[in-house]
Protein backbone atom coordinates (compact mmCIF):
# COMPACT_ATOMS: atom_id res chain seq x y z
CA UNK A 1 115.48 348.81 -203.58
CA UNK A 2 118.97 348.56 -202.10
CA UNK A 3 120.89 345.38 -201.32
CA UNK A 4 124.13 344.62 -199.44
CA UNK A 5 125.97 341.32 -199.94
CA UNK A 6 129.20 339.82 -198.61
CA UNK A 7 131.24 337.84 -201.17
CA UNK A 8 134.13 335.40 -200.74
CA UNK A 9 135.69 334.56 -204.11
CA UNK A 10 137.76 331.36 -204.43
CA UNK A 11 140.13 330.22 -207.16
CA UNK A 12 143.05 331.93 -208.87
CA UNK A 13 141.91 335.41 -207.87
CA UNK A 14 145.05 337.05 -206.47
CA UNK A 15 147.79 338.44 -208.69
CA UNK A 16 145.36 338.76 -211.62
CA UNK A 17 144.13 342.36 -211.09
CA UNK A 18 140.89 341.13 -209.51
CA UNK A 19 140.58 343.95 -206.95
CA UNK A 20 141.41 346.75 -209.38
CA UNK A 21 139.07 345.30 -212.00
CA UNK A 22 136.29 344.94 -209.44
CA UNK A 23 136.71 348.59 -208.43
CA UNK A 24 136.31 349.67 -212.06
CA UNK A 25 133.26 347.42 -212.51
CA UNK A 26 131.70 348.73 -209.28
CA UNK A 27 132.20 352.30 -210.44
CA UNK A 28 130.63 351.48 -213.81
CA UNK A 29 127.61 349.88 -212.09
CA UNK A 30 127.34 352.53 -209.35
CA UNK A 31 127.95 349.94 -206.62
CA UNK A 32 129.51 350.91 -203.27
CA UNK A 33 131.46 348.82 -200.76
CA UNK A 34 134.97 347.39 -200.61
CA UNK A 35 137.24 344.59 -201.80
CA UNK A 36 140.40 343.05 -200.31
CA UNK A 37 142.69 340.06 -200.58
CA UNK A 38 142.65 337.49 -197.79
CA UNK A 39 145.75 335.71 -196.49
CA UNK A 40 144.12 332.37 -197.46
CA UNK A 41 144.26 333.29 -201.17
CA UNK A 42 140.63 334.34 -201.56
CA UNK A 43 139.21 337.77 -202.34
CA UNK A 44 136.56 339.21 -200.03
CA UNK A 45 134.12 341.99 -200.88
CA UNK A 46 131.02 343.76 -199.67
CA UNK A 47 128.84 345.17 -202.44
CA UNK A 48 125.96 347.58 -201.92
CA UNK A 49 123.55 349.30 -204.26
CA UNK A 50 120.40 348.86 -206.26
CA UNK A 51 119.47 345.19 -206.48
CA UNK A 52 120.02 344.93 -210.25
CA UNK A 53 123.48 346.53 -209.97
CA UNK A 54 124.47 344.28 -207.06
CA UNK A 55 123.33 341.21 -208.98
CA UNK A 56 125.35 342.40 -212.00
CA UNK A 57 128.56 342.74 -209.97
CA UNK A 58 127.96 339.33 -208.38
CA UNK A 59 127.67 337.87 -211.89
CA UNK A 60 130.90 339.65 -212.83
CA UNK A 61 132.63 338.29 -209.68
CA UNK A 62 131.71 334.75 -210.73
CA UNK A 63 134.01 335.11 -213.75
CA UNK A 64 136.32 338.02 -212.75
CA UNK A 65 138.92 339.63 -215.02
CA UNK A 66 140.35 337.68 -217.95
CA UNK A 67 143.35 336.21 -216.05
CA UNK A 68 141.28 335.00 -213.08
CA UNK A 69 140.00 331.45 -212.68
CA UNK A 70 137.05 331.72 -210.30
CA UNK A 71 136.10 328.37 -208.77
CA UNK A 72 133.21 329.54 -206.61
CA UNK A 73 131.72 332.58 -204.91
CA UNK A 74 130.22 332.34 -201.43
CA UNK A 75 127.41 334.88 -201.08
CA UNK A 76 125.83 336.00 -197.84
CA UNK A 77 124.18 339.05 -196.33
CA UNK A 78 126.39 342.09 -195.83
CA UNK A 79 126.10 345.10 -193.57
CA UNK A 80 127.28 348.68 -193.30
CA UNK A 81 126.69 351.83 -195.29
CA UNK A 82 129.13 352.87 -198.00
CA UNK A 83 129.51 356.02 -200.10
CA UNK A 84 131.99 354.65 -202.66
CA UNK A 85 133.91 351.49 -203.56
CA UNK A 86 137.46 351.05 -202.32
CA UNK A 87 140.29 348.56 -201.90
CA UNK A 88 141.07 347.59 -198.33
CA UNK A 89 144.36 346.14 -197.02
CA UNK A 90 144.85 342.38 -196.99
CA UNK A 91 143.29 340.63 -194.01
C-alpha cells in the first residue's frame, strides 16, 4: 500500500544539512518526493512510498540529522506522483 504525506518541519532545521540528509534517508528507504527550505525557516517535504517506509522517514524527520533541533512536524495528506526524491529550490 502506498502513501503520500506533506511535512512541514519546524525548529533549527536550516543550515544543518537537513535536506541533504533527508535525500540520503529517502534513498535508503526507497521513498520518493521532494524537500525544500521555506523562507520562514521551516523545511517542507512531500514523501511517497510504501506505508512502512513513509512512516520511517516521518520518524526520521521528527529528529533530523545530528545538528538539527526539530521542534515539531506538521503532517498532512500529500499529492502528486514521484519517481525519485529531490531537493527543490527555496520557496
